[in-house]
Full PDB file with SEQRES, HELIX, SHEET, SSBOND, CRYST1, ORIGX, SCALE, CONECT and MASTER records, all heavy atoms in Angstrom:
SEQRES   1 A   36  ILE ALA PHE ASN GLU VAL ALA ARG ARG ALA ILE ILE THR          
SEQRES   2 A   36  ASP PRO GLU PHE HIS GLY GLY HIS PHE TYR ALA HIS GLY          
SEQRES   3 A   36  VAL VAL PRO LYS ARG GLY LEU ARG VAL ALA                      
HELIX    1 AA1 ALA A    2  ILE A   12  1                                  11    
HELIX    2 AA2 HIS A   18  GLY A   20  5                                   3    
HELIX    3 AA3 PHE A   22  HIS A   25  5                                   4    
HELIX    4 AA4 LYS A   30  VAL A   35  1                                   6    
CRYST1    1.000    1.000    1.000  90.00  90.00  90.00 P 1           1          
ORIGX1      1.000000  0.000000  0.000000        0.00000                         
ORIGX2      0.000000  1.000000  0.000000        0.00000                         
ORIGX3      0.000000  0.000000  1.000000        0.00000                         
SCALE1      1.000000  0.000000  0.000000        0.00000                         
SCALE2      0.000000  1.000000  0.000000        0.00000                         
SCALE3      0.000000  0.000000  1.000000        0.00000                         
ATOM      1  N   ILE A   1     -18.988 -10.943  -9.352  1.00  0.00           N  
ATOM      2  CA  ILE A   1     -17.685 -10.426  -9.790  1.00  0.00           C  
ATOM      3  C   ILE A   1     -17.595  -8.913  -9.547  1.00  0.00           C  
ATOM      4  O   ILE A   1     -16.552  -8.414  -9.118  1.00  0.00           O  
ATOM      5  CB  ILE A   1     -17.498 -10.740 -11.304  1.00  0.00           C  
ATOM      6  CG1 ILE A   1     -17.391 -12.240 -11.487  1.00  0.00           C  
ATOM      7  CG2 ILE A   1     -16.223 -10.042 -11.841  1.00  0.00           C  
ATOM      8  CD1 ILE A   1     -17.371 -12.657 -12.972  1.00  0.00           C  
ATOM      9  N   ALA A   2     -18.695  -8.247  -9.736  1.00  0.00           N  
ATOM     10  CA  ALA A   2     -18.757  -6.798  -9.494  1.00  0.00           C  
ATOM     11  C   ALA A   2     -18.465  -6.454  -8.055  1.00  0.00           C  
ATOM     12  O   ALA A   2     -17.677  -5.553  -7.763  1.00  0.00           O  
ATOM     13  CB  ALA A   2     -20.081  -6.222  -9.932  1.00  0.00           C  
ATOM     14  N   PHE A   3     -19.052  -7.188  -7.128  1.00  0.00           N  
ATOM     15  CA  PHE A   3     -18.807  -6.973  -5.693  1.00  0.00           C  
ATOM     16  C   PHE A   3     -17.328  -7.134  -5.380  1.00  0.00           C  
ATOM     17  O   PHE A   3     -16.693  -6.381  -4.652  1.00  0.00           O  
ATOM     18  CB  PHE A   3     -19.609  -7.933  -4.822  1.00  0.00           C  
ATOM     19  CG  PHE A   3     -21.049  -7.486  -4.591  1.00  0.00           C  
ATOM     20  CD1 PHE A   3     -22.103  -8.327  -4.979  1.00  0.00           C  
ATOM     21  CD2 PHE A   3     -21.337  -6.276  -4.054  1.00  0.00           C  
ATOM     22  CE1 PHE A   3     -23.417  -7.920  -4.752  1.00  0.00           C  
ATOM     23  CE2 PHE A   3     -22.646  -5.857  -3.838  1.00  0.00           C  
ATOM     24  CZ  PHE A   3     -23.689  -6.687  -4.176  1.00  0.00           C  
ATOM     25  N   ASN A   4     -16.744  -8.223  -5.944  1.00  0.00           N  
ATOM     26  CA  ASN A   4     -15.294  -8.493  -5.711  1.00  0.00           C  
ATOM     27  C   ASN A   4     -14.447  -7.391  -6.267  1.00  0.00           C  
ATOM     28  O   ASN A   4     -13.480  -6.984  -5.686  1.00  0.00           O  
ATOM     29  CB  ASN A   4     -14.923  -9.838  -6.349  1.00  0.00           C  
ATOM     30  CG  ASN A   4     -15.419 -11.012  -5.566  1.00  0.00           C  
ATOM     31  OD1 ASN A   4     -15.837 -10.874  -4.433  1.00  0.00           O  
ATOM     32  ND2 ASN A   4     -15.394 -12.179  -6.196  1.00  0.00           N  
ATOM     33  N   GLU A   5     -14.806  -6.850  -7.439  1.00  0.00           N  
ATOM     34  CA  GLU A   5     -14.015  -5.806  -8.068  1.00  0.00           C  
ATOM     35  C   GLU A   5     -14.056  -4.517  -7.255  1.00  0.00           C  
ATOM     36  O   GLU A   5     -13.028  -3.854  -7.055  1.00  0.00           O  
ATOM     37  CB  GLU A   5     -14.510  -5.564  -9.502  1.00  0.00           C  
ATOM     38  CG  GLU A   5     -13.839  -4.350 -10.172  1.00  0.00           C  
ATOM     39  CD  GLU A   5     -12.322  -4.440 -10.294  1.00  0.00           C  
ATOM     40  OE1 GLU A   5     -11.745  -5.479  -9.971  1.00  0.00           O  
ATOM     41  OE2 GLU A   5     -11.691  -3.423 -10.701  1.00  0.00           O  
ATOM     42  N   VAL A   6     -15.243  -4.152  -6.742  1.00  0.00           N  
ATOM     43  CA  VAL A   6     -15.332  -2.969  -5.916  1.00  0.00           C  
ATOM     44  C   VAL A   6     -14.446  -3.108  -4.656  1.00  0.00           C  
ATOM     45  O   VAL A   6     -13.744  -2.168  -4.236  1.00  0.00           O  
ATOM     46  CB  VAL A   6     -16.800  -2.703  -5.521  1.00  0.00           C  
ATOM     47  CG1 VAL A   6     -16.872  -1.549  -4.495  1.00  0.00           C  
ATOM     48  CG2 VAL A   6     -17.634  -2.352  -6.717  1.00  0.00           C  
ATOM     49  N   ALA A   7     -14.490  -4.310  -4.062  1.00  0.00           N  
ATOM     50  CA  ALA A   7     -13.648  -4.540  -2.859  1.00  0.00           C  
ATOM     51  C   ALA A   7     -12.177  -4.465  -3.222  1.00  0.00           C  
ATOM     52  O   ALA A   7     -11.358  -3.892  -2.471  1.00  0.00           O  
ATOM     53  CB  ALA A   7     -13.996  -5.929  -2.301  1.00  0.00           C  
ATOM     54  N   ARG A   8     -11.786  -5.031  -4.344  1.00  0.00           N  
ATOM     55  CA  ARG A   8     -10.388  -4.947  -4.754  1.00  0.00           C  
ATOM     56  C   ARG A   8      -9.954  -3.499  -5.005  1.00  0.00           C  
ATOM     57  O   ARG A   8      -8.845  -3.109  -4.642  1.00  0.00           O  
ATOM     58  CB  ARG A   8     -10.097  -5.829  -5.983  1.00  0.00           C  
ATOM     59  CG  ARG A   8     -10.073  -7.341  -5.685  1.00  0.00           C  
ATOM     60  CD  ARG A   8      -9.540  -8.091  -6.868  1.00  0.00           C  
ATOM     61  NE  ARG A   8     -10.429  -8.019  -8.040  1.00  0.00           N  
ATOM     62  CZ  ARG A   8     -11.373  -8.896  -8.330  1.00  0.00           C  
ATOM     63  NH1 ARG A   8     -11.591  -9.949  -7.553  1.00  0.00           N  
ATOM     64  NH2 ARG A   8     -12.125  -8.761  -9.396  1.00  0.00           N  
ATOM     65  N   ARG A   9     -10.804  -2.767  -5.672  1.00  0.00           N  
ATOM     66  CA  ARG A   9     -10.434  -1.363  -5.961  1.00  0.00           C  
ATOM     67  C   ARG A   9     -10.275  -0.583  -4.665  1.00  0.00           C  
ATOM     68  O   ARG A   9      -9.429   0.340  -4.586  1.00  0.00           O  
ATOM     69  CB  ARG A   9     -11.516  -0.718  -6.839  1.00  0.00           C  
ATOM     70  CG  ARG A   9     -11.608  -1.292  -8.254  1.00  0.00           C  
ATOM     71  CD  ARG A   9     -10.266  -1.368  -8.946  1.00  0.00           C  
ATOM     72  NE  ARG A   9      -9.637  -0.036  -9.107  1.00  0.00           N  
ATOM     73  CZ  ARG A   9      -8.390   0.136  -9.597  1.00  0.00           C  
ATOM     74  NH1 ARG A   9      -7.637  -0.921  -9.918  1.00  0.00           N  
ATOM     75  NH2 ARG A   9      -7.885   1.329  -9.718  1.00  0.00           N  
ATOM     76  N   ALA A  10     -11.100  -0.864  -3.665  1.00  0.00           N  
ATOM     77  CA  ALA A  10     -10.946  -0.177  -2.373  1.00  0.00           C  
ATOM     78  C   ALA A  10      -9.556  -0.431  -1.828  1.00  0.00           C  
ATOM     79  O   ALA A  10      -8.943   0.508  -1.252  1.00  0.00           O  
ATOM     80  CB  ALA A  10     -12.024  -0.683  -1.412  1.00  0.00           C  
ATOM     81  N   ILE A  11      -9.028  -1.640  -1.940  1.00  0.00           N  
ATOM     82  CA  ILE A  11      -7.675  -1.959  -1.443  1.00  0.00           C  
ATOM     83  C   ILE A  11      -6.609  -1.333  -2.343  1.00  0.00           C  
ATOM     84  O   ILE A  11      -5.676  -0.699  -1.854  1.00  0.00           O  
ATOM     85  CB  ILE A  11      -7.517  -3.498  -1.388  1.00  0.00           C  
ATOM     86  CG1 ILE A  11      -8.406  -4.059  -0.301  1.00  0.00           C  
ATOM     87  CG2 ILE A  11      -6.058  -3.853  -1.110  1.00  0.00           C  
ATOM     88  CD1 ILE A  11      -8.467  -5.583  -0.277  1.00  0.00           C  
ATOM     89  N   ILE A  12      -6.743  -1.560  -3.644  1.00  0.00           N  
ATOM     90  CA  ILE A  12      -5.668  -1.086  -4.595  1.00  0.00           C  
ATOM     91  C   ILE A  12      -5.514   0.434  -4.566  1.00  0.00           C  
ATOM     92  O   ILE A  12      -4.407   0.949  -4.746  1.00  0.00           O  
ATOM     93  CB  ILE A  12      -5.979  -1.617  -5.978  1.00  0.00           C  
ATOM     94  CG1 ILE A  12      -5.826  -3.137  -6.038  1.00  0.00           C  
ATOM     95  CG2 ILE A  12      -5.091  -0.949  -7.021  1.00  0.00           C  
ATOM     96  CD1 ILE A  12      -6.355  -3.763  -7.279  1.00  0.00           C  
ATOM     97  N   THR A  13      -6.605   1.165  -4.373  1.00  0.00           N  
ATOM     98  CA  THR A  13      -6.524   2.623  -4.383  1.00  0.00           C  
ATOM     99  C   THR A  13      -6.223   3.230  -3.027  1.00  0.00           C  
ATOM    100  O   THR A  13      -6.107   4.433  -2.928  1.00  0.00           O  
ATOM    101  CB  THR A  13      -7.866   3.195  -4.883  1.00  0.00           C  
ATOM    102  OG1 THR A  13      -8.950   2.745  -4.075  1.00  0.00           O  
ATOM    103  CG2 THR A  13      -8.109   2.788  -6.347  1.00  0.00           C  
ATOM    104  N   ASP A  14      -6.047   2.382  -2.006  1.00  0.00           N  
ATOM    105  CA  ASP A  14      -5.601   2.908  -0.715  1.00  0.00           C  
ATOM    106  C   ASP A  14      -4.178   3.401  -0.882  1.00  0.00           C  
ATOM    107  O   ASP A  14      -3.307   2.669  -1.355  1.00  0.00           O  
ATOM    108  CB  ASP A  14      -5.660   1.751   0.322  1.00  0.00           C  
ATOM    109  CG  ASP A  14      -5.346   2.212   1.734  1.00  0.00           C  
ATOM    110  OD1 ASP A  14      -4.436   3.028   1.916  1.00  0.00           O  
ATOM    111  OD2 ASP A  14      -6.019   1.741   2.675  1.00  0.00           O  
ATOM    112  N   PRO A  15      -3.855   4.611  -0.510  1.00  0.00           N  
ATOM    113  CA  PRO A  15      -2.495   5.156  -0.677  1.00  0.00           C  
ATOM    114  C   PRO A  15      -1.437   4.321  -0.013  1.00  0.00           C  
ATOM    115  O   PRO A  15      -0.270   4.382  -0.449  1.00  0.00           O  
ATOM    116  CB  PRO A  15      -2.604   6.568  -0.053  1.00  0.00           C  
ATOM    117  CG  PRO A  15      -4.030   6.905  -0.112  1.00  0.00           C  
ATOM    118  CD  PRO A  15      -4.760   5.619   0.073  1.00  0.00           C  
ATOM    119  N   GLU A  16      -1.772   3.514   0.966  1.00  0.00           N  
ATOM    120  CA  GLU A  16      -0.784   2.719   1.659  1.00  0.00           C  
ATOM    121  C   GLU A  16      -0.625   1.328   1.065  1.00  0.00           C  
ATOM    122  O   GLU A  16       0.065   0.490   1.622  1.00  0.00           O  
ATOM    123  CB  GLU A  16      -1.101   2.664   3.163  1.00  0.00           C  
ATOM    124  CG  GLU A  16      -1.016   4.033   3.835  1.00  0.00           C  
ATOM    125  CD  GLU A  16      -1.154   3.944   5.325  1.00  0.00           C  
ATOM    126  OE1 GLU A  16      -1.935   3.043   5.806  1.00  0.00           O  
ATOM    127  OE2 GLU A  16      -0.614   4.812   6.027  1.00  0.00           O  
ATOM    128  N   PHE A  17      -1.266   1.071  -0.051  1.00  0.00           N  
ATOM    129  CA  PHE A  17      -1.131  -0.228  -0.721  1.00  0.00           C  
ATOM    130  C   PHE A  17       0.210  -0.338  -1.408  1.00  0.00           C  
ATOM    131  O   PHE A  17       0.806  -1.384  -1.490  1.00  0.00           O  
ATOM    132  CB  PHE A  17      -2.281  -0.413  -1.725  1.00  0.00           C  
ATOM    133  CG  PHE A  17      -2.284  -1.781  -2.387  1.00  0.00           C  
ATOM    134  CD1 PHE A  17      -2.452  -2.954  -1.655  1.00  0.00           C  
ATOM    135  CD2 PHE A  17      -2.089  -1.863  -3.768  1.00  0.00           C  
ATOM    136  CE1 PHE A  17      -2.411  -4.188  -2.296  1.00  0.00           C  
ATOM    137  CE2 PHE A  17      -2.076  -3.117  -4.415  1.00  0.00           C  
ATOM    138  CZ  PHE A  17      -2.227  -4.259  -3.664  1.00  0.00           C  
ATOM    139  N   HIS A  18       0.706   0.751  -2.007  1.00  0.00           N  
ATOM    140  CA  HIS A  18       1.985   0.784  -2.661  1.00  0.00           C  
ATOM    141  C   HIS A  18       2.207  -0.330  -3.710  1.00  0.00           C  
ATOM    142  O   HIS A  18       3.219  -0.983  -3.701  1.00  0.00           O  
ATOM    143  CB  HIS A  18       3.145   0.688  -1.593  1.00  0.00           C  
ATOM    144  CG  HIS A  18       3.201   1.912  -0.663  1.00  0.00           C  
ATOM    145  ND1 HIS A  18       3.712   3.140  -1.093  1.00  0.00           N  
ATOM    146  CD2 HIS A  18       2.816   2.046   0.579  1.00  0.00           C  
ATOM    147  CE1 HIS A  18       3.662   3.970  -0.079  1.00  0.00           C  
ATOM    148  NE2 HIS A  18       3.082   3.372   0.929  1.00  0.00           N  
ATOM    149  N   GLY A  19       1.199  -0.471  -4.515  1.00  0.00           N  
ATOM    150  CA  GLY A  19       1.264  -1.488  -5.607  1.00  0.00           C  
ATOM    151  C   GLY A  19       1.415  -2.919  -5.093  1.00  0.00           C  
ATOM    152  O   GLY A  19       1.832  -3.806  -5.839  1.00  0.00           O  
ATOM    153  N   GLY A  20       0.999  -3.136  -3.825  1.00  0.00           N  
ATOM    154  CA  GLY A  20       1.087  -4.482  -3.269  1.00  0.00           C  
ATOM    155  C   GLY A  20       2.347  -4.754  -2.483  1.00  0.00           C  
ATOM    156  O   GLY A  20       2.528  -5.816  -1.939  1.00  0.00           O  
ATOM    157  N   HIS A  21       3.261  -3.798  -2.461  1.00  0.00           N  
ATOM    158  CA  HIS A  21       4.537  -3.948  -1.756  1.00  0.00           C  
ATOM    159  C   HIS A  21       4.596  -3.054  -0.506  1.00  0.00           C  
ATOM    160  O   HIS A  21       5.630  -2.462  -0.215  1.00  0.00           O  
ATOM    161  CB  HIS A  21       5.709  -3.648  -2.729  1.00  0.00           C  
ATOM    162  CG  HIS A  21       5.803  -4.593  -3.874  1.00  0.00           C  
ATOM    163  ND1 HIS A  21       6.223  -5.901  -3.727  1.00  0.00           N  
ATOM    164  CD2 HIS A  21       5.442  -4.460  -5.176  1.00  0.00           C  
ATOM    165  CE1 HIS A  21       6.162  -6.522  -4.918  1.00  0.00           C  
ATOM    166  NE2 HIS A  21       5.703  -5.647  -5.809  1.00  0.00           N  
ATOM    167  N   PHE A  22       3.515  -3.051   0.191  1.00  0.00           N  
ATOM    168  CA  PHE A  22       3.409  -2.164   1.369  1.00  0.00           C  
ATOM    169  C   PHE A  22       4.219  -2.672   2.553  1.00  0.00           C  
ATOM    170  O   PHE A  22       4.563  -1.918   3.430  1.00  0.00           O  
ATOM    171  CB  PHE A  22       1.918  -2.059   1.818  1.00  0.00           C  
ATOM    172  CG  PHE A  22       1.177  -3.353   1.941  1.00  0.00           C  
ATOM    173  CD1 PHE A  22       1.180  -4.062   3.138  1.00  0.00           C  
ATOM    174  CD2 PHE A  22       0.493  -3.901   0.890  1.00  0.00           C  
ATOM    175  CE1 PHE A  22       0.532  -5.254   3.290  1.00  0.00           C  
ATOM    176  CE2 PHE A  22      -0.208  -5.091   0.977  1.00  0.00           C  
ATOM    177  CZ  PHE A  22      -0.190  -5.785   2.179  1.00  0.00           C  
ATOM    178  N   TYR A  23       4.572  -3.980   2.508  1.00  0.00           N  
ATOM    179  CA  TYR A  23       5.392  -4.524   3.612  1.00  0.00           C  
ATOM    180  C   TYR A  23       6.732  -3.741   3.748  1.00  0.00           C  
ATOM    181  O   TYR A  23       7.193  -3.474   4.816  1.00  0.00           O  
ATOM    182  CB  TYR A  23       5.688  -6.004   3.358  1.00  0.00           C  
ATOM    183  CG  TYR A  23       4.560  -6.822   2.861  1.00  0.00           C  
ATOM    184  CD1 TYR A  23       4.319  -7.035   1.507  1.00  0.00           C  
ATOM    185  CD2 TYR A  23       3.657  -7.406   3.789  1.00  0.00           C  
ATOM    186  CE1 TYR A  23       3.265  -7.775   1.059  1.00  0.00           C  
ATOM    187  CE2 TYR A  23       2.576  -8.156   3.346  1.00  0.00           C  
ATOM    188  CZ  TYR A  23       2.386  -8.339   1.961  1.00  0.00           C  
ATOM    189  OH  TYR A  23       1.309  -9.094   1.525  1.00  0.00           O  
ATOM    190  N   ALA A  24       7.319  -3.435   2.562  1.00  0.00           N  
ATOM    191  CA  ALA A  24       8.608  -2.716   2.615  1.00  0.00           C  
ATOM    192  C   ALA A  24       8.501  -1.329   3.185  1.00  0.00           C  
ATOM    193  O   ALA A  24       9.508  -0.756   3.604  1.00  0.00           O  
ATOM    194  CB  ALA A  24       9.180  -2.678   1.167  1.00  0.00           C  
ATOM    195  N   HIS A  25       7.293  -0.793   3.187  1.00  0.00           N  
ATOM    196  CA  HIS A  25       7.055   0.561   3.687  1.00  0.00           C  
ATOM    197  C   HIS A  25       6.604   0.550   5.161  1.00  0.00           C  
ATOM    198  O   HIS A  25       6.418   1.623   5.726  1.00  0.00           O  
ATOM    199  CB  HIS A  25       6.031   1.282   2.829  1.00  0.00           C  
ATOM    200  CG  HIS A  25       6.474   1.485   1.424  1.00  0.00           C  
ATOM    201  ND1 HIS A  25       7.098   2.631   0.980  1.00  0.00           N  
ATOM    202  CD2 HIS A  25       6.384   0.673   0.337  1.00  0.00           C  
ATOM    203  CE1 HIS A  25       7.369   2.543  -0.293  1.00  0.00           C  
ATOM    204  NE2 HIS A  25       6.975   1.355  -0.747  1.00  0.00           N  
ATOM    205  N   GLY A  26       6.461  -0.662   5.720  1.00  0.00           N  
ATOM    206  CA  GLY A  26       6.032  -0.759   7.087  1.00  0.00           C  
ATOM    207  C   GLY A  26       4.622  -0.272   7.352  1.00  0.00           C  
ATOM    208  O   GLY A  26       4.323   0.160   8.501  1.00  0.00           O  
ATOM    209  N   VAL A  27       3.732  -0.362   6.401  1.00  0.00           N  
ATOM    210  CA  VAL A  27       2.377   0.050   6.557  1.00  0.00           C  
ATOM    211  C   VAL A  27       1.401  -1.027   6.094  1.00  0.00           C  
ATOM    212  O   VAL A  27       1.835  -2.027   5.471  1.00  0.00           O  
ATOM    213  CB  VAL A  27       2.072   1.366   5.742  1.00  0.00           C  
ATOM    214  CG1 VAL A  27       2.917   2.519   6.260  1.00  0.00           C  
ATOM    215  CG2 VAL A  27       2.316   1.105   4.225  1.00  0.00           C  
ATOM    216  N   VAL A  28       0.129  -0.855   6.417  1.00  0.00           N  
ATOM    217  CA  VAL A  28      -0.928  -1.797   5.987  1.00  0.00           C  
ATOM    218  C   VAL A  28      -2.047  -0.967   5.372  1.00  0.00           C  
ATOM    219  O   VAL A  28      -2.472   0.045   5.994  1.00  0.00           O  
ATOM    220  CB  VAL A  28      -1.442  -2.623   7.164  1.00  0.00           C  
ATOM    221  CG1 VAL A  28      -2.628  -3.479   6.748  1.00  0.00           C  
ATOM    222  CG2 VAL A  28      -0.341  -3.479   7.728  1.00  0.00           C  
ATOM    223  N   PRO A  29      -2.595  -1.327   4.217  1.00  0.00           N  
ATOM    224  CA  PRO A  29      -3.696  -0.549   3.612  1.00  0.00           C  
ATOM    225  C   PRO A  29      -5.022  -0.849   4.351  1.00  0.00           C  
ATOM    226  O   PRO A  29      -5.946  -1.437   3.751  1.00  0.00           O  
ATOM    227  CB  PRO A  29      -3.722  -1.049   2.188  1.00  0.00           C  
ATOM    228  CG  PRO A  29      -3.149  -2.430   2.233  1.00  0.00           C  
ATOM    229  CD  PRO A  29      -2.136  -2.417   3.342  1.00  0.00           C  
ATOM    230  N   LYS A  30      -5.108  -0.424   5.579  1.00  0.00           N  
ATOM    231  CA  LYS A  30      -6.266  -0.774   6.407  1.00  0.00           C  
ATOM    232  C   LYS A  30      -7.540  -0.127   5.923  1.00  0.00           C  
ATOM    233  O   LYS A  30      -8.629  -0.722   6.026  1.00  0.00           O  
ATOM    234  CB  LYS A  30      -6.004  -0.337   7.861  1.00  0.00           C  
ATOM    235  CG  LYS A  30      -5.023  -1.243   8.600  1.00  0.00           C  
ATOM    236  CD  LYS A  30      -5.090  -1.008  10.105  1.00  0.00           C  
ATOM    237  CE  LYS A  30      -4.328  -2.084  10.876  1.00  0.00           C  
ATOM    238  NZ  LYS A  30      -4.483  -1.955  12.302  1.00  0.00           N  
ATOM    239  N   ARG A  31      -7.446   1.085   5.357  1.00  0.00           N  
ATOM    240  CA  ARG A  31      -8.686   1.725   4.903  1.00  0.00           C  
ATOM    241  C   ARG A  31      -9.347   0.863   3.787  1.00  0.00           C  
ATOM    242  O   ARG A  31     -10.562   0.658   3.783  1.00  0.00           O  
ATOM    243  CB  ARG A  31      -8.387   3.133   4.386  1.00  0.00           C  
ATOM    244  CG  ARG A  31      -8.206   4.161   5.526  1.00  0.00           C  
ATOM    245  CD  ARG A  31      -7.621   5.451   5.016  1.00  0.00           C  
ATOM    246  NE  ARG A  31      -6.248   5.325   4.653  1.00  0.00           N  
ATOM    247  CZ  ARG A  31      -5.459   6.325   4.294  1.00  0.00           C  
ATOM    248  NH1 ARG A  31      -5.946   7.568   4.222  1.00  0.00           N  
ATOM    249  NH2 ARG A  31      -4.197   6.146   4.031  1.00  0.00           N  
ATOM    250  N   GLY A  32      -8.554   0.410   2.847  1.00  0.00           N  
ATOM    251  CA  GLY A  32      -9.087  -0.414   1.796  1.00  0.00           C  
ATOM    252  C   GLY A  32      -9.599  -1.736   2.294  1.00  0.00           C  
ATOM    253  O   GLY A  32     -10.673  -2.222   1.860  1.00  0.00           O  
ATOM    254  N   LEU A  33      -8.885  -2.380   3.201  1.00  0.00           N  
ATOM    255  CA  LEU A  33      -9.359  -3.625   3.796  1.00  0.00           C  
ATOM    256  C   LEU A  33     -10.681  -3.473   4.528  1.00  0.00           C  
ATOM    257  O   LEU A  33     -11.553  -4.322   4.447  1.00  0.00           O  
ATOM    258  CB  LEU A  33      -8.303  -4.189   4.736  1.00  0.00           C  
ATOM    259  CG  LEU A  33      -7.135  -4.970   4.076  1.00  0.00           C  
ATOM    260  CD1 LEU A  33      -6.026  -5.180   5.080  1.00  0.00           C  
ATOM    261  CD2 LEU A  33      -7.616  -6.311   3.523  1.00  0.00           C  
ATOM    262  N   ARG A  34     -10.803  -2.366   5.268  1.00  0.00           N  
ATOM    263  CA  ARG A  34     -12.055  -2.112   5.985  1.00  0.00           C  
ATOM    264  C   ARG A  34     -13.218  -2.043   5.027  1.00  0.00           C  
ATOM    265  O   ARG A  34     -14.283  -2.645   5.255  1.00  0.00           O  
ATOM    266  CB  ARG A  34     -11.933  -0.814   6.781  1.00  0.00           C  
ATOM    267  CG  ARG A  34     -11.015  -0.869   7.997  1.00  0.00           C  
ATOM    268  CD  ARG A  34     -11.066   0.425   8.750  1.00  0.00           C  
ATOM    269  NE  ARG A  34     -10.051   0.523   9.781  1.00  0.00           N  
ATOM    270  CZ  ARG A  34      -8.996   1.333   9.775  1.00  0.00           C  
ATOM    271  NH1 ARG A  34      -8.886   2.212   8.779  1.00  0.00           N  
ATOM    272  NH2 ARG A  34      -8.131   1.324  10.760  1.00  0.00           N  
ATOM    273  N   VAL A  35     -13.056  -1.275   3.984  1.00  0.00           N  
ATOM    274  CA  VAL A  35     -14.161  -1.080   3.006  1.00  0.00           C  
ATOM    275  C   VAL A  35     -14.503  -2.436   2.322  1.00  0.00           C  
ATOM    276  O   VAL A  35     -15.662  -2.811   2.134  1.00  0.00           O  
ATOM    277  CB  VAL A  35     -13.844   0.004   1.974  1.00  0.00           C  
ATOM    278  CG1 VAL A  35     -14.928   0.066   0.894  1.00  0.00           C  
ATOM    279  CG2 VAL A  35     -13.748   1.350   2.673  1.00  0.00           C  
ATOM    280  N   ALA A  36     -13.431  -3.182   1.970  1.00  0.00           N  
ATOM    281  CA  ALA A  36     -13.628  -4.464   1.317  1.00  0.00           C  
ATOM    282  C   ALA A  36     -14.444  -5.400   2.213  1.00  0.00           C  
ATOM    283  O   ALA A  36     -15.361  -6.088   1.743  1.00  0.00           O  
ATOM    284  CB  ALA A  36     -12.289  -5.117   0.984  1.00  0.00           C  
TER     285      ALA A  36                                                      
MASTER        0    0    0    4    0    0    0    6  284    1    0    3          
END                                                                             
């Protein structure tokens, strides 16, 4: 569970995540996905 949480935090704290509504901004939280 801890591994999963660290991965999720990497995504959620990416500035381009936009609370999960990044599609509307035309971006992808790639930095968070890479770390996850």
